[in-house]
C-alpha cells in the first residue's frame, strides 16, 4: 500500500534509510496522480484525480513521494507493475505508470481528489483497504522535452533496480510448488493426444519399413 510517511524535505535529503538501504535516485518537480485499478484509461483516471507536485525518491527498498503537505511511501514489493507510458492527450510527454498492490491510504482522497469531483467516482477511484490496485502516475515537470524523457527514464530504471533487489518471495514459492507437482495420468493423456495428431507421410513410412533402423536414436544403435 502507498501509505502516509513522516514528512520529508522536498530536496529528498532526509530520507529515513534503514539497515543497508540506500538511495537510488531523487527526481524533483514531479507531478503525481492517483486512481483506482477499476479505471482502464488515463483519461478516465484523471477525471477524478488531480496532480500534486513534489519529489520522487527511490531507494533500494522503497519509494517516496514528498509534497509540501504530505509524504507517501511504498514498499517496492507492493509495486506490482511499472512502465514508461507513451505520450497521449492527457500526458503529452508521457509518464511513469505504476500499479500498487493494496491501493492508497484513504487520506489520498483529500489530497488527490478535486472538491467538485463526482461523489460516486470518488468512492470508486480510491482504495479503502479493499484490495484494489491503485494506478499511480509520475510526470516530471518544469523541464525541456529531452529533460522530461531523461527524468522519466531515471525514475523507471531506479524502480526496476529496486524491484530486482526485492523479488516477491510468495510468487517464487508458488512457482516452486507448481514445478514440483505433476499428474502422471495427465501427462500420459496429453502424450496420447499428441501422438494422435502426428501425421507421417507415405514416403517417410516407406523408408521406415525398408530400413527400420534409419530413425533409431544414436544410443539405440
Protein backbone atom coordinates (compact mmCIF):
# COMPACT_ATOMS: atom_id res chain seq x y z
CA UNK A 1 0.00 0.00 0.00
CA UNK A 2 1.02 3.60 -0.64
CA UNK A 3 0.72 5.00 2.89
CA UNK A 4 1.44 8.21 4.80
CA UNK A 5 5.01 8.58 5.99
CA UNK A 6 6.74 11.23 8.03
CA UNK A 7 7.34 14.50 6.20
CA UNK A 8 10.45 14.73 4.04
CA UNK A 9 12.26 17.76 2.73
CA UNK A 10 11.37 18.48 -0.87
CA UNK A 11 15.02 18.07 -1.85
CA UNK A 12 14.86 14.45 -0.74
CA UNK A 13 17.88 14.87 1.52
CA UNK A 14 16.39 13.37 4.69
CA UNK A 15 15.02 10.00 3.58
CA UNK A 16 14.86 7.73 6.68
CA UNK A 17 17.04 4.90 5.39
CA UNK A 18 17.14 1.63 7.32
CA UNK A 19 19.77 -1.11 7.60
CA UNK A 20 21.57 -1.48 4.26
CA UNK A 21 19.05 0.64 2.33
CA UNK A 22 20.45 3.31 0.02
CA UNK A 23 19.02 5.99 -2.26
CA UNK A 24 18.98 5.13 -5.96
CA UNK A 25 17.60 8.37 -7.38
CA UNK A 26 15.90 11.64 -6.47
CA UNK A 27 13.66 13.30 -9.07
CA UNK A 28 12.36 16.76 -8.16
CA UNK A 29 9.41 18.65 -9.67
CA UNK A 30 7.34 15.54 -10.34
CA UNK A 31 3.55 15.61 -10.61
CA UNK A 32 1.77 12.56 -9.18
CA UNK A 33 -1.79 11.40 -9.86
CA UNK A 34 -3.61 8.53 -8.18
CA UNK A 35 -6.57 6.47 -9.32
CA UNK A 36 -8.06 3.04 -8.75
CA UNK A 37 -7.36 -0.17 -10.62
CA UNK A 38 -11.02 -0.08 -11.63
CA UNK A 39 -10.16 2.65 -14.11
CA UNK A 40 -8.99 1.46 -17.51
CA UNK A 41 -7.70 4.57 -19.28
CA UNK A 42 -5.52 7.53 -18.39
CA UNK A 43 -8.28 9.99 -19.31
CA UNK A 44 -10.83 8.34 -17.02
CA UNK A 45 -8.27 8.09 -14.22
CA UNK A 46 -7.62 11.80 -14.45
CA UNK A 47 -11.30 12.71 -14.40
CA UNK A 48 -11.49 12.45 -10.63
CA UNK A 49 -7.83 12.76 -9.71
CA UNK A 50 -5.75 15.91 -9.76
CA UNK A 51 -1.96 16.05 -9.78
CA UNK A 52 0.18 17.04 -6.82
CA UNK A 53 3.74 18.26 -7.42
CA UNK A 54 6.60 17.05 -5.25
CA UNK A 55 9.78 14.99 -5.15
CA UNK A 56 10.09 11.30 -6.02
CA UNK A 57 12.75 9.37 -4.12
CA UNK A 58 13.52 5.74 -4.98
CA UNK A 59 15.65 3.64 -2.63
CA UNK A 60 16.77 0.03 -2.73
CA UNK A 61 13.68 -0.93 -0.71
CA UNK A 62 11.01 1.77 -1.03
CA UNK A 63 9.94 4.81 -2.94
CA UNK A 64 8.67 8.06 -1.52
CA UNK A 65 6.67 10.96 -2.87
CA UNK A 66 7.07 14.17 -0.86
CA UNK A 67 4.84 17.19 -1.48
CA UNK A 68 4.63 20.37 0.56
CA UNK A 69 1.68 18.98 2.50
CA UNK A 70 2.35 15.27 2.97
CA UNK A 71 4.72 12.41 2.18
CA UNK A 72 3.73 8.97 0.93
CA UNK A 73 5.90 5.89 0.90
CA UNK A 74 5.57 2.42 -0.59
CA UNK A 75 7.47 -0.82 -0.14
CA UNK A 76 8.82 -1.69 -3.57
CA UNK A 77 7.44 -5.24 -3.19
CA UNK A 78 3.96 -3.69 -3.49
CA UNK A 79 4.91 -2.28 -6.88
CA UNK A 80 3.13 -4.88 -8.99
CA UNK A 81 3.80 -3.11 -12.30
CA UNK A 82 5.75 -0.12 -13.57
CA UNK A 83 6.29 1.07 -17.12
CA UNK A 84 7.25 4.04 -19.25
CA UNK A 85 3.97 5.26 -20.71
CA UNK A 86 3.92 6.87 -24.14
CA UNK A 87 2.61 10.37 -24.73
CA UNK A 88 -1.15 10.81 -25.15
CA UNK A 89 -3.71 13.62 -24.96
CA UNK A 90 -3.75 13.55 -21.16
CA UNK A 91 0.03 13.28 -20.71
CA UNK A 92 1.70 14.95 -23.74
CA UNK A 93 5.18 13.90 -22.57
CA UNK A 94 4.18 10.51 -21.23
CA UNK A 95 4.70 9.39 -17.64
CA UNK A 96 5.96 6.61 -15.39
CA UNK A 97 2.90 4.42 -14.85
CA UNK A 98 2.69 2.21 -11.74
CA UNK A 99 0.25 -0.24 -10.22
CA UNK A 100 0.44 -0.54 -6.44
CA UNK A 101 -1.00 -3.59 -4.72
CA UNK A 102 -3.19 -2.72 -1.77
CA UNK A 103 -4.18 0.68 -3.13
CA UNK A 104 -3.53 4.02 -1.50
CA UNK A 105 -4.20 5.22 2.01
CA UNK A 106 -7.73 6.61 2.34
CA UNK A 107 -6.41 10.09 3.10
CA UNK A 108 -5.35 10.28 -0.55
CA UNK A 109 -8.94 11.23 -1.29
CA UNK A 110 -8.34 14.59 0.36
CA UNK A 111 -5.01 15.15 -1.38
CA UNK A 112 -5.71 13.90 -4.91
CA UNK A 113 -9.45 14.38 -5.44
CA UNK A 114 -10.92 17.62 -6.71
CA UNK A 115 -13.51 19.12 -4.40
CA UNK A 116 -16.07 19.20 -7.22
CA UNK A 117 -15.44 15.59 -8.32
CA UNK A 118 -18.46 13.36 -8.59
CA UNK A 119 -19.17 11.59 -5.29
CA UNK A 120 -19.69 8.20 -6.93
CA UNK A 121 -16.43 8.48 -8.85
CA UNK A 122 -14.69 9.48 -5.63
CA UNK A 123 -15.74 6.26 -3.93
CA UNK A 124 -14.84 4.19 -6.95
CA UNK A 125 -11.40 5.68 -7.63
CA UNK A 126 -9.65 5.28 -4.30
CA UNK A 127 -8.94 2.26 -2.16
CA UNK A 128 -10.29 1.86 1.36
CA UNK A 129 -8.34 -1.29 2.22
CA UNK A 130 -10.46 -3.47 -0.06
CA UNK A 131 -7.57 -4.89 -2.07
CA UNK A 132 -7.93 -2.61 -5.07
CA UNK A 133 -4.75 -1.97 -7.04
CA UNK A 134 -4.04 1.75 -7.34
CA UNK A 135 -2.90 3.35 -10.57
CA UNK A 136 -0.20 5.93 -9.89
CA UNK A 137 1.45 8.15 -12.49
CA UNK A 138 4.60 10.23 -12.09
CA UNK A 139 5.01 13.09 -14.58
CA UNK A 140 8.25 15.17 -14.49
CA UNK A 141 7.52 18.90 -14.96
CA UNK A 142 9.34 22.21 -15.47
CA UNK A 143 11.80 20.72 -17.96
CA UNK A 144 12.51 20.61 -21.66
CA UNK A 145 11.11 17.64 -23.56
CA UNK A 146 14.53 15.95 -23.54
CA UNK A 147 14.93 16.54 -19.80
CA UNK A 148 11.47 15.12 -19.13
CA UNK A 149 12.32 11.95 -21.03
CA UNK A 150 15.61 11.63 -19.12
CA UNK A 151 13.86 12.12 -15.76
CA UNK A 152 11.21 9.53 -16.64
CA UNK A 153 13.87 7.02 -17.64
CA UNK A 154 15.88 7.67 -14.48
CA UNK A 155 12.83 7.07 -12.26
CA UNK A 156 11.81 3.96 -14.20
CA UNK A 157 15.28 2.43 -14.12
CA UNK A 158 15.60 3.08 -10.38
CA UNK A 159 12.25 1.33 -9.77
CA UNK A 160 13.41 -1.57 -11.94
CA UNK A 161 16.62 -1.90 -9.96
CA UNK A 162 14.76 -1.76 -6.66
CA UNK A 163 12.26 -4.37 -7.85
CA UNK A 164 15.10 -6.67 -8.91
CA UNK A 165 16.67 -6.31 -5.46
CA UNK A 166 13.38 -7.22 -3.76
CA UNK A 167 11.78 -10.20 -5.54
CA UNK A 168 8.35 -11.35 -4.43
CA UNK A 169 9.13 -14.43 -2.34
CA UNK A 170 5.48 -15.57 -2.34
CA UNK A 171 5.47 -15.73 -6.13
CA UNK A 172 8.75 -17.66 -6.07
CA UNK A 173 7.29 -20.18 -3.63
CA UNK A 174 4.18 -20.59 -5.80
CA UNK A 175 6.39 -21.21 -8.84
CA UNK A 176 8.37 -23.85 -6.94
CA UNK A 177 5.17 -25.59 -5.86
CA UNK A 178 3.88 -25.64 -9.43
CA UNK A 179 7.17 -27.06 -10.68
CA UNK A 180 7.17 -29.77 -8.02
CA UNK A 181 3.67 -31.06 -8.83
CA UNK A 182 2.71 -33.14 -11.85
CA UNK A 183 -0.08 -35.52 -12.71
CA UNK A 184 1.27 -38.65 -14.42
CA UNK A 185 -2.13 -39.55 -15.87
CA UNK A 186 -2.49 -36.06 -17.30
CA UNK A 187 0.96 -36.28 -18.86
CA UNK A 188 0.09 -39.67 -20.44
CA UNK A 189 -3.22 -38.28 -21.73
CA UNK A 190 -1.51 -35.29 -23.35
CA UNK A 191 1.18 -37.52 -24.88
CA UNK A 192 -1.50 -39.77 -26.38
CA UNK A 193 -3.30 -36.72 -27.78
CA UNK A 194 -0.09 -35.53 -29.42
CA UNK A 195 0.55 -38.98 -30.89
CA UNK A 196 -2.96 -38.97 -32.35
CA UNK A 197 -2.20 -35.67 -34.10
CA UNK A 198 1.13 -36.88 -35.50
CA UNK A 199 0.90 -37.37 -39.27
CA UNK A 200 3.60 -39.40 -41.08
CA UNK A 201 3.87 -39.03 -44.83
CA UNK A 202 3.71 -42.12 -47.08
CA UNK A 203 7.31 -41.51 -48.15
CA UNK A 204 8.62 -41.47 -44.56
CA UNK A 205 6.52 -44.54 -43.69
CA UNK A 206 8.01 -46.42 -46.67
CA UNK A 207 11.55 -45.53 -45.62
CA UNK A 208 10.84 -46.78 -42.11
CA UNK A 209 9.59 -50.10 -43.47
CA UNK A 210 12.58 -50.56 -45.79
CA UNK A 211 15.14 -49.65 -43.13
CA UNK A 212 13.73 -49.91 -39.53
CA UNK A 213 17.00 -48.60 -38.02
CA UNK A 214 17.02 -45.44 -40.13
CA UNK A 215 15.20 -43.37 -37.49
CA UNK A 216 16.65 -45.04 -34.40
CA UNK A 217 18.33 -42.89 -31.75
CA UNK A 218 22.10 -42.97 -31.75
CA UNK A 219 22.15 -44.58 -28.30
CA UNK A 220 19.94 -47.43 -29.55
CA UNK A 221 22.24 -48.41 -32.42
